[in-house]
Amino acid sequence: MVPNRILIVEDDELIAELEKDYLEAGGFQAEVELNGNQGLKKALGGGYEALVLDVMLPGKNGFEICREVREVMNVPILLVTAKKEDVDKIRGLGLGADDYLVKPFSPMELVARVKSHIQMHQRLLEQKDREDLKGICVDGLEIYPKERKVLLERQVLSLTNKEFELLLFLAENPNIVFSKETLFDRVWEMDSAGTVATVTVHINRLREKIERDKENPRFIETVWGAGYRFRV
């Protein structure tokens, strides 16, 4: 089994090597970067299961690295600092850090926390995958967002991208009435090539594909003078 890779960004070489030694003894593959700018570049390159960031660094500090990484990826981040003030802890956690260690700390505690956050992160990802695979199932109609697949009575339906997105939006917000204007804004967004009449066309096409009796629709209901809703 390939060990989990951990990136340590710490400008104190002795502390960095100590953290590296303990993490590797704990079964991880650890890499050290002494400069904040280079640390950010490596972190954004991906491939790490956790980041251990010192707050005070040459170049970008740990807070800045944490903020920029969190904007583009979800990976456990542990901040390490000599500062004990609560305001610094609050700031770090507010920027998306998962944990905060104050120097001096036990290297064994660092290893334990890294392991705990990686395991928690993996469980959350597995849970999300299971939820995505579940799909939305109502009275013989099955919608699988991750696979972009729709089945009716176990038969796969052929939908255009916009038909799928419109059906998914309605199904993810059951029993809520949406006007044509709102649906056009949410599904077509800034696509100025269409008009709200496009919504009616796509609703009719969807009904032809998913309704057993399109004159008396089971799934997509018209609420006269208001709009449409996915009825559950």
C-alpha atoms as a PDB file:
ATOM      1  CA  MET A   1       0.000   0.000   0.000  1.00  0.00           C
ATOM      2  CA  VAL A   2       1.326   3.460  -0.953  1.00  0.00           C
ATOM      3  CA  PRO A   3       1.642   5.638   2.194  1.00  0.00           C
ATOM      4  CA  ASN A   4      -0.377   8.840   2.475  1.00  0.00           C
ATOM      5  CA  ARG A   5       1.646  11.901   1.478  1.00  0.00           C
ATOM      6  CA  ILE A   6       1.871  14.805   3.919  1.00  0.00           C
ATOM      7  CA  LEU A   7       3.270  18.248   3.102  1.00  0.00           C
ATOM      8  CA  ILE A   8       5.002  20.119   5.933  1.00  0.00           C
ATOM      9  CA  VAL A   9       5.567  23.847   5.367  1.00  0.00           C
ATOM     10  CA  GLU A  10       7.852  24.982   8.205  1.00  0.00           C
ATOM     11  CA  ASP A  11      10.801  27.380   8.095  1.00  0.00           C
ATOM     12  CA  ASP A  12      12.511  26.006  11.213  1.00  0.00           C
ATOM     13  CA  GLU A  13      14.520  23.113   9.797  1.00  0.00           C
ATOM     14  CA  LEU A  14      14.912  21.313  13.140  1.00  0.00           C
ATOM     15  CA  ILE A  15      11.168  21.365  13.824  1.00  0.00           C
ATOM     16  CA  ALA A  16      10.396  20.395  10.224  1.00  0.00           C
ATOM     17  CA  GLU A  17      12.734  17.397  10.349  1.00  0.00           C
ATOM     18  CA  LEU A  18      11.318  16.328  13.726  1.00  0.00           C
ATOM     19  CA  GLU A  19       7.754  16.456  12.346  1.00  0.00           C
ATOM     20  CA  LYS A  20       8.884  14.590   9.219  1.00  0.00           C
ATOM     21  CA  ASP A  21      10.603  11.829  11.230  1.00  0.00           C
ATOM     22  CA  TYR A  22       7.581  11.225  13.455  1.00  0.00           C
ATOM     23  CA  LEU A  23       5.113  11.272  10.561  1.00  0.00           C
ATOM     24  CA  GLU A  24       7.218   8.776   8.628  1.00  0.00           C
ATOM     25  CA  ALA A  25       7.504   6.589  11.732  1.00  0.00           C
ATOM     26  CA  GLY A  26       3.692   6.755  11.836  1.00  0.00           C
ATOM     27  CA  GLY A  27       3.458   5.306   8.329  1.00  0.00           C
ATOM     28  CA  PHE A  28       3.241   8.502   6.258  1.00  0.00           C
ATOM     29  CA  GLN A  29       5.403   9.823   3.439  1.00  0.00           C
ATOM     30  CA  ALA A  30       6.336  13.362   4.475  1.00  0.00           C
ATOM     31  CA  GLU A  31       7.831  16.200   2.438  1.00  0.00           C
ATOM     32  CA  VAL A  32       9.228  19.477   3.783  1.00  0.00           C
ATOM     33  CA  GLU A  33       9.102  22.941   2.247  1.00  0.00           C
ATOM     34  CA  LEU A  34      10.766  25.851   4.080  1.00  0.00           C
ATOM     35  CA  ASN A  35       9.251  28.758   2.112  1.00  0.00           C
ATOM     36  CA  GLY A  36       5.600  29.834   2.068  1.00  0.00           C
ATOM     37  CA  ASN A  37       5.470  30.620  -1.646  1.00  0.00           C
ATOM     38  CA  GLN A  38       6.981  27.279  -2.616  1.00  0.00           C
ATOM     39  CA  GLY A  39       4.798  25.534  -0.049  1.00  0.00           C
ATOM     40  CA  LEU A  40       1.665  26.995  -1.637  1.00  0.00           C
ATOM     41  CA  LYS A  41       2.836  25.934  -5.099  1.00  0.00           C
ATOM     42  CA  LYS A  42       3.394  22.359  -3.917  1.00  0.00           C
ATOM     43  CA  ALA A  43       0.098  22.236  -2.035  1.00  0.00           C
ATOM     44  CA  LEU A  44      -1.868  23.403  -5.076  1.00  0.00           C
ATOM     45  CA  GLY A  45      -0.131  20.757  -7.160  1.00  0.00           C
ATOM     46  CA  GLY A  46      -2.172  18.209  -5.253  1.00  0.00           C
ATOM     47  CA  GLY A  47      -1.386  14.658  -4.317  1.00  0.00           C
ATOM     48  CA  TYR A  48      -1.230  15.295  -0.566  1.00  0.00           C
ATOM     49  CA  GLU A  49      -3.619  13.766   1.950  1.00  0.00           C
ATOM     50  CA  ALA A  50      -2.938  16.497   4.540  1.00  0.00           C
ATOM     51  CA  LEU A  51      -1.046  19.781   4.971  1.00  0.00           C
ATOM     52  CA  VAL A  52       0.836  20.832   8.115  1.00  0.00           C
ATOM     53  CA  LEU A  53       1.423  24.592   7.913  1.00  0.00           C
ATOM     54  CA  ASP A  54       3.447  26.814  10.185  1.00  0.00           C
ATOM     55  CA  VAL A  55       1.795  30.223  10.518  1.00  0.00           C
ATOM     56  CA  MET A  56       4.933  32.406  10.472  1.00  0.00           C
ATOM     57  CA  LEU A  57       6.715  31.732   7.179  1.00  0.00           C
ATOM     58  CA  PRO A  58       8.903  33.638   4.720  1.00  0.00           C
ATOM     59  CA  GLY A  59       6.890  34.534   1.631  1.00  0.00           C
ATOM     60  CA  LYS A  60       3.245  33.659   2.184  1.00  0.00           C
ATOM     61  CA  ASN A  61       2.240  32.885   5.768  1.00  0.00           C
ATOM     62  CA  GLY A  62       0.239  29.844   6.856  1.00  0.00           C
ATOM     63  CA  PHE A  63      -3.030  31.783   6.975  1.00  0.00           C
ATOM     64  CA  GLU A  64      -2.607  32.877   3.346  1.00  0.00           C
ATOM     65  CA  ILE A  65      -1.694  29.360   2.207  1.00  0.00           C
ATOM     66  CA  CYS A  66      -4.689  27.921   4.040  1.00  0.00           C
ATOM     67  CA  ARG A  67      -7.076  30.430   2.457  1.00  0.00           C
ATOM     68  CA  GLU A  68      -5.785  29.927  -1.101  1.00  0.00           C
ATOM     69  CA  VAL A  69      -5.729  26.135  -0.855  1.00  0.00           C
ATOM     70  CA  ARG A  70      -9.222  25.998   0.636  1.00  0.00           C
ATOM     71  CA  GLU A  71     -10.581  28.035  -2.294  1.00  0.00           C
ATOM     72  CA  VAL A  72      -9.761  25.255  -4.761  1.00  0.00           C
ATOM     73  CA  MET A  73      -9.517  21.946  -2.886  1.00  0.00           C
ATOM     74  CA  ASN A  74     -10.731  20.042   0.127  1.00  0.00           C
ATOM     75  CA  VAL A  75      -7.794  18.530   2.023  1.00  0.00           C
ATOM     76  CA  PRO A  76      -7.165  18.373   5.800  1.00  0.00           C
ATOM     77  CA  ILE A  77      -5.128  21.397   6.941  1.00  0.00           C
ATOM     78  CA  LEU A  78      -3.408  21.635  10.330  1.00  0.00           C
ATOM     79  CA  LEU A  79      -1.929  24.972  11.384  1.00  0.00           C
ATOM     80  CA  VAL A  80       1.090  25.057  13.712  1.00  0.00           C
ATOM     81  CA  THR A  81       2.126  28.235  15.531  1.00  0.00           C
ATOM     82  CA  ALA A  82       3.891  29.636  18.582  1.00  0.00           C
ATOM     83  CA  LYS A  83       1.013  32.092  19.071  1.00  0.00           C
ATOM     84  CA  LYS A  84      -1.375  31.197  21.885  1.00  0.00           C
ATOM     85  CA  GLU A  85      -3.969  33.943  21.417  1.00  0.00           C
ATOM     86  CA  ASP A  86      -7.499  32.728  20.762  1.00  0.00           C
ATOM     87  CA  VAL A  87      -7.937  35.309  17.994  1.00  0.00           C
ATOM     88  CA  ASP A  88      -5.255  33.541  15.929  1.00  0.00           C
ATOM     89  CA  LYS A  89      -6.946  30.174  16.429  1.00  0.00           C
ATOM     90  CA  ILE A  90     -10.297  31.663  15.434  1.00  0.00           C
ATOM     91  CA  ARG A  91      -8.762  33.267  12.359  1.00  0.00           C
ATOM     92  CA  GLY A  92      -7.121  30.016  11.246  1.00  0.00           C
ATOM     93  CA  LEU A  93     -10.247  27.945  11.725  1.00  0.00           C
ATOM     94  CA  GLY A  94     -12.301  30.644  10.022  1.00  0.00           C
ATOM     95  CA  LEU A  95     -10.062  30.397   6.954  1.00  0.00           C
ATOM     96  CA  GLY A  96     -10.828  26.693   6.671  1.00  0.00           C
ATOM     97  CA  ALA A  97      -8.155  25.004   8.792  1.00  0.00           C
ATOM     98  CA  ASP A  98      -9.253  21.708  10.338  1.00  0.00           C
ATOM     99  CA  ASP A  99      -7.032  21.915  13.421  1.00  0.00           C
ATOM    100  CA  TYR A 100      -4.628  24.192  15.288  1.00  0.00           C
ATOM    101  CA  LEU A 101      -1.563  23.165  17.323  1.00  0.00           C
ATOM    102  CA  VAL A 102       0.382  25.549  19.560  1.00  0.00           C
ATOM    103  CA  LYS A 103       4.151  25.101  19.960  1.00  0.00           C
ATOM    104  CA  PRO A 104       5.614  23.350  21.821  1.00  0.00           C
ATOM    105  CA  PHE A 105       3.539  20.228  21.200  1.00  0.00           C
ATOM    106  CA  SER A 106       4.158  16.499  21.243  1.00  0.00           C
ATOM    107  CA  PRO A 107       5.155  15.177  17.800  1.00  0.00           C
ATOM    108  CA  MET A 108       3.125  12.065  18.636  1.00  0.00           C
ATOM    109  CA  GLU A 109       0.070  14.286  19.104  1.00  0.00           C
ATOM    110  CA  LEU A 110       0.685  15.767  15.651  1.00  0.00           C
ATOM    111  CA  VAL A 111       0.782  12.275  14.120  1.00  0.00           C
ATOM    112  CA  ALA A 112      -2.403  11.290  15.949  1.00  0.00           C
ATOM    113  CA  ARG A 113      -4.251  14.399  14.773  1.00  0.00           C
ATOM    114  CA  VAL A 114      -3.092  13.984  11.175  1.00  0.00           C
ATOM    115  CA  LYS A 115      -4.320  10.373  11.184  1.00  0.00           C
ATOM    116  CA  SER A 116      -7.648  11.399  12.718  1.00  0.00           C
ATOM    117  CA  HIS A 117      -8.319  14.158  10.174  1.00  0.00           C
ATOM    118  CA  ILE A 118      -7.371  11.992   7.194  1.00  0.00           C
ATOM    119  CA  GLN A 119      -9.713   9.231   8.387  1.00  0.00           C
ATOM    120  CA  MET A 120     -12.518  11.740   8.964  1.00  0.00           C
ATOM    121  CA  HIS A 121     -11.967  13.283   5.528  1.00  0.00           C
ATOM    122  CA  GLN A 122     -12.066   9.858   3.846  1.00  0.00           C
ATOM    123  CA  ARG A 123     -15.294   8.919   5.655  1.00  0.00           C
ATOM    124  CA  LEU A 124     -16.945  12.149   4.502  1.00  0.00           C
ATOM    125  CA  LEU A 125     -15.883  11.517   0.889  1.00  0.00           C
ATOM    126  CA  GLU A 126     -17.213   7.945   1.033  1.00  0.00           C
ATOM    127  CA  GLN A 127     -20.501   9.191   2.490  1.00  0.00           C
ATOM    128  CA  LYS A 128     -20.842  11.786  -0.280  1.00  0.00           C
ATOM    129  CA  ASP A 129     -20.146   9.138  -2.934  1.00  0.00           C
ATOM    130  CA  ARG A 130     -22.831   6.889  -1.448  1.00  0.00           C
ATOM    131  CA  GLU A 131     -25.303   9.779  -1.422  1.00  0.00           C
ATOM    132  CA  ASP A 132     -24.514  10.621  -5.049  1.00  0.00           C
ATOM    133  CA  LEU A 133     -25.026   7.012  -6.098  1.00  0.00           C
ATOM    134  CA  LYS A 134     -28.367   6.795  -4.287  1.00  0.00           C
ATOM    135  CA  GLY A 135     -30.048   9.153  -6.678  1.00  0.00           C
ATOM    136  CA  ILE A 136     -33.637  10.391  -6.469  1.00  0.00           C
ATOM    137  CA  CYS A 137     -36.273   7.683  -6.816  1.00  0.00           C
ATOM    138  CA  VAL A 138     -39.986   8.498  -7.044  1.00  0.00           C
ATOM    139  CA  ASP A 139     -42.703   6.138  -8.260  1.00  0.00           C
ATOM    140  CA  GLY A 140     -40.591   4.324 -10.854  1.00  0.00           C
ATOM    141  CA  LEU A 141     -38.613   7.415 -11.903  1.00  0.00           C
ATOM    142  CA  GLU A 142     -34.898   7.296 -10.988  1.00  0.00           C
ATOM    143  CA  ILE A 143     -32.519  10.260 -11.330  1.00  0.00           C
ATOM    144  CA  TYR A 144     -28.770   9.781 -10.759  1.00  0.00           C
ATOM    145  CA  PRO A 145     -26.993  13.178 -10.660  1.00  0.00           C
ATOM    146  CA  LYS A 146     -23.410  11.874 -10.677  1.00  0.00           C
ATOM    147  CA  GLU A 147     -23.999   9.635 -13.685  1.00  0.00           C
ATOM    148  CA  ARG A 148     -26.408  12.109 -15.315  1.00  0.00           C
ATOM    149  CA  LYS A 149     -28.758   9.194 -15.930  1.00  0.00           C
ATOM    150  CA  VAL A 150     -32.549   8.938 -15.748  1.00  0.00           C
ATOM    151  CA  LEU A 151     -34.569   5.723 -15.718  1.00  0.00           C
ATOM    152  CA  LEU A 152     -38.316   5.164 -15.920  1.00  0.00           C
ATOM    153  CA  GLU A 153     -39.536   1.708 -14.945  1.00  0.00           C
ATOM    154  CA  ARG A 154     -35.887   0.531 -15.189  1.00  0.00           C
ATOM    155  CA  GLN A 155     -35.607   1.822 -18.779  1.00  0.00           C
ATOM    156  CA  VAL A 156     -32.909   4.405 -19.504  1.00  0.00           C
ATOM    157  CA  LEU A 157     -34.293   7.641 -20.958  1.00  0.00           C
ATOM    158  CA  SER A 158     -32.526   9.819 -23.488  1.00  0.00           C
ATOM    159  CA  LEU A 159     -32.539  13.431 -22.254  1.00  0.00           C
ATOM    160  CA  THR A 160     -30.727  16.497 -23.530  1.00  0.00           C
ATOM    161  CA  ASN A 161     -28.452  18.336 -21.103  1.00  0.00           C
ATOM    162  CA  LYS A 162     -31.014  21.043 -20.392  1.00  0.00           C
ATOM    163  CA  GLU A 163     -33.844  18.537 -20.021  1.00  0.00           C
ATOM    164  CA  PHE A 164     -31.764  16.671 -17.449  1.00  0.00           C
ATOM    165  CA  GLU A 165     -30.757  19.849 -15.585  1.00  0.00           C
ATOM    166  CA  LEU A 166     -34.355  21.094 -15.498  1.00  0.00           C
ATOM    167  CA  LEU A 167     -35.674  17.752 -14.222  1.00  0.00           C
ATOM    168  CA  LEU A 168     -32.889  17.498 -11.635  1.00  0.00           C
ATOM    169  CA  PHE A 169     -33.478  21.017 -10.335  1.00  0.00           C
ATOM    170  CA  LEU A 170     -37.195  20.373  -9.896  1.00  0.00           C
ATOM    171  CA  ALA A 171     -36.639  16.944  -8.316  1.00  0.00           C
ATOM    172  CA  GLU A 172     -34.055  18.309  -5.876  1.00  0.00           C
ATOM    173  CA  ASN A 173     -36.641  20.873  -4.739  1.00  0.00           C
ATOM    174  CA  PRO A 174     -39.819  18.769  -4.491  1.00  0.00           C
ATOM    175  CA  ASN A 175     -43.271  20.291  -3.954  1.00  0.00           C
ATOM    176  CA  ILE A 176     -41.947  23.842  -4.423  1.00  0.00           C
ATOM    177  CA  VAL A 177     -43.622  25.920  -7.135  1.00  0.00           C
ATOM    178  CA  PHE A 178     -41.183  27.710  -9.460  1.00  0.00           C
ATOM    179  CA  SER A 179     -42.195  30.323 -12.007  1.00  0.00           C
ATOM    180  CA  LYS A 180     -40.986  30.056 -15.588  1.00  0.00           C
ATOM    181  CA  GLU A 181     -38.752  33.066 -14.964  1.00  0.00           C
ATOM    182  CA  THR A 182     -37.117  31.429 -11.955  1.00  0.00           C
ATOM    183  CA  LEU A 183     -36.571  28.144 -13.772  1.00  0.00           C
ATOM    184  CA  PHE A 184     -35.053  29.929 -16.735  1.00  0.00           C
ATOM    185  CA  ASP A 185     -32.740  31.881 -14.418  1.00  0.00           C
ATOM    186  CA  ARG A 186     -31.653  28.793 -12.436  1.00  0.00           C
ATOM    187  CA  VAL A 187     -31.236  26.315 -15.286  1.00  0.00           C
ATOM    188  CA  TRP A 188     -30.240  28.464 -18.242  1.00  0.00           C
ATOM    189  CA  GLU A 189     -28.502  31.103 -16.100  1.00  0.00           C
ATOM    190  CA  MET A 190     -26.908  33.760 -18.332  1.00  0.00           C
ATOM    191  CA  ASP A 191     -27.743  32.044 -21.623  1.00  0.00           C
ATOM    192  CA  SER A 192     -29.329  35.005 -23.412  1.00  0.00           C
ATOM    193  CA  ALA A 193     -30.117  32.969 -26.534  1.00  0.00           C
ATOM    194  CA  GLY A 194     -33.379  31.722 -25.031  1.00  0.00           C
ATOM    195  CA  THR A 195     -36.487  33.150 -23.399  1.00  0.00           C
ATOM    196  CA  VAL A 196     -38.878  31.935 -20.703  1.00  0.00           C
ATOM    197  CA  ALA A 197     -40.840  30.226 -23.488  1.00  0.00           C
ATOM    198  CA  THR A 198     -37.898  27.803 -23.611  1.00  0.00           C
ATOM    199  CA  VAL A 199     -38.995  26.506 -20.192  1.00  0.00           C
ATOM    200  CA  THR A 200     -42.448  25.555 -21.495  1.00  0.00           C
ATOM    201  CA  VAL A 201     -40.922  23.742 -24.463  1.00  0.00           C
ATOM    202  CA  HIS A 202     -38.595  21.731 -22.246  1.00  0.00           C
ATOM    203  CA  ILE A 203     -41.345  20.926 -19.725  1.00  0.00           C
ATOM    204  CA  ASN A 204     -43.473  19.533 -22.579  1.00  0.00           C
ATOM    205  CA  ARG A 205     -40.559  17.464 -23.883  1.00  0.00           C
ATOM    206  CA  LEU A 206     -39.868  16.099 -20.408  1.00  0.00           C
ATOM    207  CA  ARG A 207     -43.498  15.134 -19.952  1.00  0.00           C
ATOM    208  CA  GLU A 208     -43.435  13.213 -23.229  1.00  0.00           C
ATOM    209  CA  LYS A 209     -40.493  11.212 -21.890  1.00  0.00           C
ATOM    210  CA  ILE A 210     -41.271  10.695 -18.196  1.00  0.00           C
ATOM    211  CA  GLU A 211     -45.059  10.891 -17.845  1.00  0.00           C
ATOM    212  CA  ARG A 212     -47.247   7.845 -18.351  1.00  0.00           C
ATOM    213  CA  ASP A 213     -50.107  10.226 -19.214  1.00  0.00           C
ATOM    214  CA  LYS A 214     -48.795  13.653 -20.189  1.00  0.00           C
ATOM    215  CA  GLU A 215     -52.327  15.092 -20.101  1.00  0.00           C
ATOM    216  CA  ASN A 216     -52.496  14.162 -16.410  1.00  0.00           C
ATOM    217  CA  PRO A 217     -48.861  14.419 -15.317  1.00  0.00           C
ATOM    218  CA  ARG A 218     -47.720  12.506 -12.251  1.00  0.00           C
ATOM    219  CA  PHE A 219     -44.330  14.152 -11.740  1.00  0.00           C
ATOM    220  CA  ILE A 220     -44.207  17.676 -13.179  1.00  0.00           C
ATOM    221  CA  GLU A 221     -47.374  19.486 -12.200  1.00  0.00           C
ATOM    222  CA  THR A 222     -48.582  22.798 -13.602  1.00  0.00           C
ATOM    223  CA  VAL A 223     -49.797  25.269 -10.996  1.00  0.00           C
ATOM    224  CA  TRP A 224     -51.876  27.642 -13.077  1.00  0.00           C
ATOM    225  CA  GLY A 225     -50.777  31.270 -12.882  1.00  0.00           C
ATOM    226  CA  ALA A 226     -47.720  30.328 -10.792  1.00  0.00           C
ATOM    227  CA  GLY A 227     -45.459  27.841 -12.548  1.00  0.00           C
ATOM    228  CA  TYR A 228     -44.401  24.212 -12.140  1.00  0.00           C
ATOM    229  CA  ARG A 229     -43.456  21.838  -9.344  1.00  0.00           C
ATOM    230  CA  PHE A 230     -42.128  18.308  -8.990  1.00  0.00           C
ATOM    231  CA  ARG A 231     -44.807  16.540  -6.983  1.00  0.00           C
ATOM    232  CA  VAL A 232     -43.815  13.999  -4.320  1.00  0.00           C
END
